[in-house]
């Protein structure tokens, strides 16, 4: 893009004079640098995140199996506590929804 310069001089009376200079334009080298950076970031993203290669020798290499031994009763008790908390929360939500519904019915019936 070519550089250009605009100068405007305004004289309101002999004592006051205002000069405004606006310089605008782009540099082709800056555009080249930004373009090169975009290409480099794209290539790096492809290398790091792309290319799901499935080799026969790597089959099962990403499988993970976890076994926890000795947790028995503690794990069961924690599961039961979570289920109880979920049921209590569900009942609370149902009660709140019923209260809102009753309030809406009462409000519309009184009008």
N, C-alpha and C. Protein backbone atom coordinates (compact mmCIF):
# COMPACT_ATOMS: atom_id res chain seq x y z
N UNK A 1 0.85 -1.16 0.00
CA UNK A 1 0.00 0.00 0.00
C UNK A 1 0.89 1.22 0.00
N UNK A 2 0.56 2.19 -0.78
CA UNK A 2 1.38 3.39 -0.93
C UNK A 2 1.11 4.35 0.22
N UNK A 3 2.15 5.01 0.65
CA UNK A 3 2.01 6.04 1.68
C UNK A 3 1.46 7.30 1.06
N UNK A 4 0.62 7.99 1.80
CA UNK A 4 0.15 9.28 1.35
C UNK A 4 0.00 10.20 2.53
N UNK A 5 0.03 11.47 2.26
CA UNK A 5 -0.01 12.46 3.32
C UNK A 5 -1.02 13.53 2.94
N UNK A 6 -1.85 13.91 3.90
CA UNK A 6 -2.86 14.93 3.67
C UNK A 6 -2.61 16.07 4.65
N UNK A 7 -2.51 17.27 4.14
CA UNK A 7 -2.30 18.44 4.99
C UNK A 7 -3.45 19.40 4.76
N UNK A 8 -4.03 19.86 5.85
CA UNK A 8 -5.13 20.81 5.76
C UNK A 8 -4.85 21.97 6.70
N UNK A 9 -4.89 23.16 6.19
CA UNK A 9 -4.64 24.35 7.00
C UNK A 9 -5.92 25.18 7.01
N UNK A 10 -6.33 25.54 8.21
CA UNK A 10 -7.54 26.35 8.37
C UNK A 10 -7.16 27.63 9.11
N UNK A 11 -7.54 28.73 8.54
CA UNK A 11 -7.26 30.01 9.18
C UNK A 11 -8.60 30.68 9.45
N UNK A 12 -8.91 30.87 10.75
CA UNK A 12 -10.18 31.49 11.12
C UNK A 12 -10.09 33.02 11.11
N UNK A 13 -9.01 33.52 11.56
CA UNK A 13 -8.74 34.95 11.48
C UNK A 13 -7.23 35.11 11.53
N UNK A 14 -6.71 36.25 11.34
CA UNK A 14 -5.26 36.41 11.23
C UNK A 14 -4.47 35.94 12.46
N UNK A 15 -5.10 35.82 13.62
CA UNK A 15 -4.36 35.48 14.82
C UNK A 15 -4.25 33.97 15.02
N UNK A 16 -5.28 33.21 14.66
CA UNK A 16 -5.30 31.78 14.92
C UNK A 16 -5.20 30.99 13.62
N UNK A 17 -4.33 30.02 13.62
CA UNK A 17 -4.17 29.15 12.46
C UNK A 17 -4.01 27.72 12.95
N UNK A 18 -4.72 26.77 12.32
CA UNK A 18 -4.65 25.36 12.71
C UNK A 18 -4.19 24.56 11.51
N UNK A 19 -3.19 23.72 11.72
CA UNK A 19 -2.69 22.84 10.66
C UNK A 19 -2.82 21.41 11.15
N UNK A 20 -3.50 20.58 10.38
CA UNK A 20 -3.68 19.17 10.70
C UNK A 20 -3.01 18.35 9.61
N UNK A 21 -2.09 17.48 10.03
CA UNK A 21 -1.41 16.61 9.08
C UNK A 21 -1.75 15.17 9.43
N UNK A 22 -2.27 14.46 8.46
CA UNK A 22 -2.61 13.06 8.64
C UNK A 22 -1.76 12.24 7.70
N UNK A 23 -1.06 11.29 8.29
CA UNK A 23 -0.21 10.44 7.47
C UNK A 23 -0.72 9.01 7.61
N UNK A 24 -0.99 8.39 6.51
CA UNK A 24 -1.53 7.05 6.55
C UNK A 24 -0.86 6.20 5.49
N UNK A 25 -0.81 4.93 5.76
CA UNK A 25 -0.22 4.02 4.78
C UNK A 25 0.33 2.81 5.49
N UNK A 26 0.52 1.75 4.78
CA UNK A 26 1.02 0.53 5.38
C UNK A 26 2.35 0.14 4.77
N UNK A 27 3.00 -0.74 5.44
CA UNK A 27 4.30 -1.21 4.98
C UNK A 27 4.14 -2.64 4.50
N UNK A 28 4.66 -2.91 3.33
CA UNK A 28 4.54 -4.27 2.79
C UNK A 28 5.39 -5.25 3.60
N UNK A 29 6.47 -4.77 4.20
CA UNK A 29 7.29 -5.68 5.02
C UNK A 29 6.54 -6.10 6.27
N UNK A 30 5.73 -5.22 6.85
CA UNK A 30 4.95 -5.58 8.03
C UNK A 30 3.91 -6.63 7.66
N UNK A 31 3.28 -6.48 6.52
CA UNK A 31 2.30 -7.46 6.06
C UNK A 31 2.97 -8.81 5.81
N UNK A 32 4.16 -8.81 5.27
CA UNK A 32 4.89 -10.05 5.03
C UNK A 32 5.22 -10.75 6.35
N UNK A 33 5.64 -9.98 7.34
CA UNK A 33 6.00 -10.56 8.65
C UNK A 33 4.76 -11.16 9.32
N UNK A 34 3.65 -10.44 9.30
CA UNK A 34 2.42 -10.96 9.90
C UNK A 34 1.96 -12.22 9.17
N UNK A 35 2.03 -12.22 7.86
CA UNK A 35 1.65 -13.41 7.09
C UNK A 35 2.53 -14.60 7.41
N UNK A 36 3.83 -14.36 7.55
CA UNK A 36 4.75 -15.45 7.89
C UNK A 36 4.44 -16.01 9.27
N UNK A 37 4.12 -15.14 10.23
CA UNK A 37 3.77 -15.59 11.58
C UNK A 37 2.50 -16.43 11.57
N UNK A 38 1.52 -16.04 10.77
CA UNK A 38 0.29 -16.81 10.67
C UNK A 38 0.57 -18.20 10.12
N UNK A 39 1.41 -18.29 9.12
CA UNK A 39 1.75 -19.59 8.54
C UNK A 39 2.49 -20.45 9.56
N UNK A 40 3.43 -19.87 10.29
CA UNK A 40 4.20 -20.64 11.29
C UNK A 40 3.27 -21.16 12.38
N UNK A 41 2.36 -20.33 12.86
CA UNK A 41 1.42 -20.78 13.90
C UNK A 41 0.52 -21.88 13.36
N UNK A 42 0.08 -21.77 12.12
CA UNK A 42 -0.75 -22.81 11.53
C UNK A 42 -0.01 -24.14 11.42
N UNK A 43 1.23 -24.10 10.98
CA UNK A 43 2.03 -25.33 10.86
C UNK A 43 2.25 -25.95 12.23
N UNK A 44 2.59 -25.13 13.22
CA UNK A 44 2.79 -25.66 14.58
C UNK A 44 1.51 -26.27 15.14
N UNK A 45 0.38 -25.63 14.91
CA UNK A 45 -0.89 -26.18 15.39
C UNK A 45 -1.18 -27.51 14.74
N UNK A 46 -0.91 -27.63 13.44
CA UNK A 46 -1.13 -28.90 12.75
C UNK A 46 -0.23 -30.00 13.31
N UNK A 47 1.04 -29.66 13.54
CA UNK A 47 1.99 -30.65 14.03
C UNK A 47 1.63 -31.09 15.44
N UNK A 48 1.25 -30.13 16.30
CA UNK A 48 0.98 -30.47 17.69
C UNK A 48 -0.39 -31.12 17.90
N UNK A 49 -1.42 -30.64 17.20
CA UNK A 49 -2.77 -31.10 17.46
C UNK A 49 -3.36 -31.98 16.37
N UNK A 50 -2.79 -31.98 15.21
CA UNK A 50 -3.40 -32.69 14.09
C UNK A 50 -2.79 -34.04 13.86
N UNK A 51 -3.27 -34.66 12.81
CA UNK A 51 -2.68 -35.91 12.37
C UNK A 51 -2.88 -37.05 13.34
N UNK A 52 -4.05 -37.66 13.35
CA UNK A 52 -4.32 -38.80 14.21
C UNK A 52 -3.81 -40.05 13.52
N UNK A 53 -2.57 -40.43 13.80
CA UNK A 53 -1.93 -41.56 13.14
C UNK A 53 -2.19 -42.82 13.96
N UNK A 54 -2.68 -43.86 13.29
CA UNK A 54 -2.99 -45.12 13.95
C UNK A 54 -2.05 -46.20 13.42
N UNK A 55 -1.01 -46.52 14.15
CA UNK A 55 -0.07 -47.56 13.75
C UNK A 55 -0.46 -48.88 14.39
N UNK A 56 -0.22 -49.97 13.69
CA UNK A 56 -0.54 -51.30 14.22
C UNK A 56 0.28 -51.61 15.46
N UNK A 57 1.50 -51.10 15.53
CA UNK A 57 2.36 -51.37 16.69
C UNK A 57 1.91 -50.59 17.91
N UNK A 58 1.17 -49.49 17.71
CA UNK A 58 0.71 -48.67 18.83
C UNK A 58 -0.71 -49.03 19.26
N UNK A 59 -1.30 -50.03 18.67
CA UNK A 59 -2.67 -50.39 19.01
C UNK A 59 -2.74 -50.75 20.49
N UNK A 60 -3.62 -50.10 21.21
CA UNK A 60 -3.77 -50.35 22.64
C UNK A 60 -2.81 -49.57 23.50
N UNK A 61 -1.97 -48.76 22.92
CA UNK A 61 -1.00 -48.00 23.71
C UNK A 61 -1.67 -46.92 24.53
N UNK A 62 -2.85 -46.46 24.11
CA UNK A 62 -3.54 -45.40 24.84
C UNK A 62 -4.61 -45.93 25.79
N UNK A 63 -4.75 -47.25 25.91
CA UNK A 63 -5.73 -47.82 26.82
C UNK A 63 -5.22 -47.73 28.25
N UNK A 64 -6.11 -47.31 29.15
CA UNK A 64 -5.73 -47.18 30.56
C UNK A 64 -6.74 -47.94 31.40
N UNK A 65 -6.27 -48.81 32.24
CA UNK A 65 -7.10 -49.56 33.18
C UNK A 65 -6.64 -49.25 34.58
N UNK A 66 -7.58 -48.85 35.43
CA UNK A 66 -7.25 -48.50 36.81
C UNK A 66 -8.02 -49.42 37.74
N UNK A 67 -7.34 -50.03 38.67
CA UNK A 67 -7.97 -50.89 39.66
C UNK A 67 -7.59 -50.37 41.04
N UNK A 68 -8.62 -50.14 41.87
CA UNK A 68 -8.39 -49.66 43.24
C UNK A 68 -8.77 -50.79 44.18
N UNK A 69 -7.82 -51.22 44.96
CA UNK A 69 -8.06 -52.30 45.89
C UNK A 69 -8.05 -51.77 47.31
N UNK A 70 -8.90 -52.34 48.15
CA UNK A 70 -8.90 -51.97 49.56
C UNK A 70 -9.81 -50.81 49.89
N UNK A 71 -10.59 -50.29 48.95
CA UNK A 71 -11.46 -49.17 49.23
C UNK A 71 -12.83 -49.64 49.68
N UNK A 72 -13.23 -50.82 49.32
CA UNK A 72 -14.47 -51.50 49.65
C UNK A 72 -15.58 -50.68 50.28
N UNK A 73 -15.68 -50.76 51.62
CA UNK A 73 -16.79 -50.14 52.34
C UNK A 73 -16.77 -48.63 52.23
N UNK A 74 -15.62 -48.03 52.23
CA UNK A 74 -15.54 -46.57 52.14
C UNK A 74 -16.11 -46.09 50.80
N UNK A 75 -15.79 -46.78 49.73
CA UNK A 75 -16.30 -46.40 48.42
C UNK A 75 -17.81 -46.60 48.35
N UNK A 76 -18.32 -47.69 48.92
CA UNK A 76 -19.76 -47.93 48.92
C UNK A 76 -20.49 -46.88 49.75
N UNK A 77 -19.92 -46.52 50.92
CA UNK A 77 -20.54 -45.49 51.76
C UNK A 77 -20.56 -44.14 51.06
N UNK A 78 -19.49 -43.81 50.36
CA UNK A 78 -19.44 -42.54 49.63
C UNK A 78 -20.47 -42.54 48.51
N UNK A 79 -20.62 -43.66 47.82
CA UNK A 79 -21.62 -43.76 46.75
C UNK A 79 -23.03 -43.59 47.29
N UNK A 80 -23.31 -44.21 48.44
CA UNK A 80 -24.63 -44.08 49.05
C UNK A 80 -24.90 -42.64 49.48
N UNK A 81 -23.88 -41.98 50.01
CA UNK A 81 -24.04 -40.58 50.43
C UNK A 81 -24.32 -39.67 49.24
N UNK A 82 -23.66 -39.93 48.14
CA UNK A 82 -23.89 -39.12 46.93
C UNK A 82 -25.30 -39.35 46.40
N UNK A 83 -25.75 -40.61 46.40
CA UNK A 83 -27.11 -40.90 45.94
C UNK A 83 -28.13 -40.20 46.82
N UNK A 84 -27.92 -40.25 48.13
CA UNK A 84 -28.84 -39.58 49.06
C UNK A 84 -28.88 -38.08 48.85
N UNK A 85 -27.73 -37.48 48.61
CA UNK A 85 -27.67 -36.04 48.38
C UNK A 85 -28.38 -35.68 47.08
N UNK A 86 -28.22 -36.51 46.07
CA UNK A 86 -28.88 -36.25 44.78
C UNK A 86 -30.39 -36.36 44.92
N UNK A 87 -30.87 -37.36 45.67
CA UNK A 87 -32.31 -37.50 45.88
C UNK A 87 -32.87 -36.32 46.66
N UNK A 88 -32.14 -35.87 47.69
CA UNK A 88 -32.60 -34.72 48.48
C UNK A 88 -32.67 -33.46 47.62
N UNK A 89 -31.66 -33.27 46.77
CA UNK A 89 -31.66 -32.09 45.90
C UNK A 89 -32.81 -32.16 44.92
N UNK A 90 -33.09 -33.34 44.39
CA UNK A 90 -34.21 -33.52 43.47
C UNK A 90 -35.54 -33.21 44.12
N UNK A 91 -35.72 -33.66 45.36
CA UNK A 91 -36.95 -33.38 46.09
C UNK A 91 -37.09 -31.89 46.37
N UNK A 92 -36.00 -31.23 46.68
CA UNK A 92 -36.03 -29.79 46.94
C UNK A 92 -36.43 -29.02 45.70
N UNK A 93 -35.90 -29.43 44.55
CA UNK A 93 -36.23 -28.76 43.29
C UNK A 93 -37.71 -28.98 42.96
N UNK A 94 -38.19 -30.20 43.16
CA UNK A 94 -39.60 -30.47 42.90
C UNK A 94 -40.50 -29.62 43.81
N UNK A 95 -40.13 -29.50 45.09
CA UNK A 95 -40.90 -28.69 46.02
C UNK A 95 -40.90 -27.22 45.62
N UNK A 96 -39.76 -26.72 45.19
CA UNK A 96 -39.68 -25.32 44.76
C UNK A 96 -40.51 -25.09 43.51
N UNK A 97 -40.47 -26.03 42.57
CA UNK A 97 -41.26 -25.90 41.34
C UNK A 97 -42.75 -25.92 41.66
N UNK A 98 -43.15 -26.76 42.59
CA UNK A 98 -44.56 -26.82 42.99
C UNK A 98 -44.99 -25.52 43.65
N UNK A 99 -44.13 -24.95 44.49
CA UNK A 99 -44.44 -23.67 45.14
C UNK A 99 -44.59 -22.55 44.12
N UNK A 100 -43.73 -22.52 43.15
CA UNK A 100 -43.81 -21.49 42.10
C UNK A 100 -45.09 -21.67 41.30
N UNK A 101 -45.41 -22.91 40.98
CA UNK A 101 -46.65 -23.19 40.24
C UNK A 101 -47.87 -22.75 41.02
N UNK A 102 -47.90 -23.05 42.34
CA UNK A 102 -49.02 -22.63 43.18
C UNK A 102 -49.12 -21.12 43.25
N UNK A 103 -47.99 -20.44 43.38
CA UNK A 103 -47.99 -18.98 43.44
C UNK A 103 -48.51 -18.40 42.13
N UNK A 104 -48.12 -18.99 41.00
CA UNK A 104 -48.59 -18.50 39.70
C UNK A 104 -50.09 -18.73 39.56
N UNK A 105 -50.58 -19.89 40.03
CA UNK A 105 -52.02 -20.16 39.98
C UNK A 105 -52.79 -19.16 40.84
N UNK A 106 -52.28 -18.91 42.04
CA UNK A 106 -52.95 -17.96 42.93
C UNK A 106 -52.96 -16.56 42.34
N UNK A 107 -51.88 -16.16 41.71
CA UNK A 107 -51.80 -14.82 41.12
C UNK A 107 -52.78 -14.67 39.97
N UNK A 108 -52.91 -15.71 39.16
CA UNK A 108 -53.83 -15.60 38.02
C UNK A 108 -55.29 -15.75 38.44
N UNK A 109 -55.54 -16.51 39.52
CA UNK A 109 -56.90 -16.67 40.00
C UNK A 109 -57.43 -15.39 40.66
N UNK A 110 -56.56 -14.60 41.28
CA UNK A 110 -56.97 -13.37 41.95
C UNK A 110 -57.24 -12.23 40.99
N UNK A 111 -56.83 -12.35 39.76
CA UNK A 111 -57.05 -11.25 38.80
C UNK A 111 -58.38 -11.35 38.21
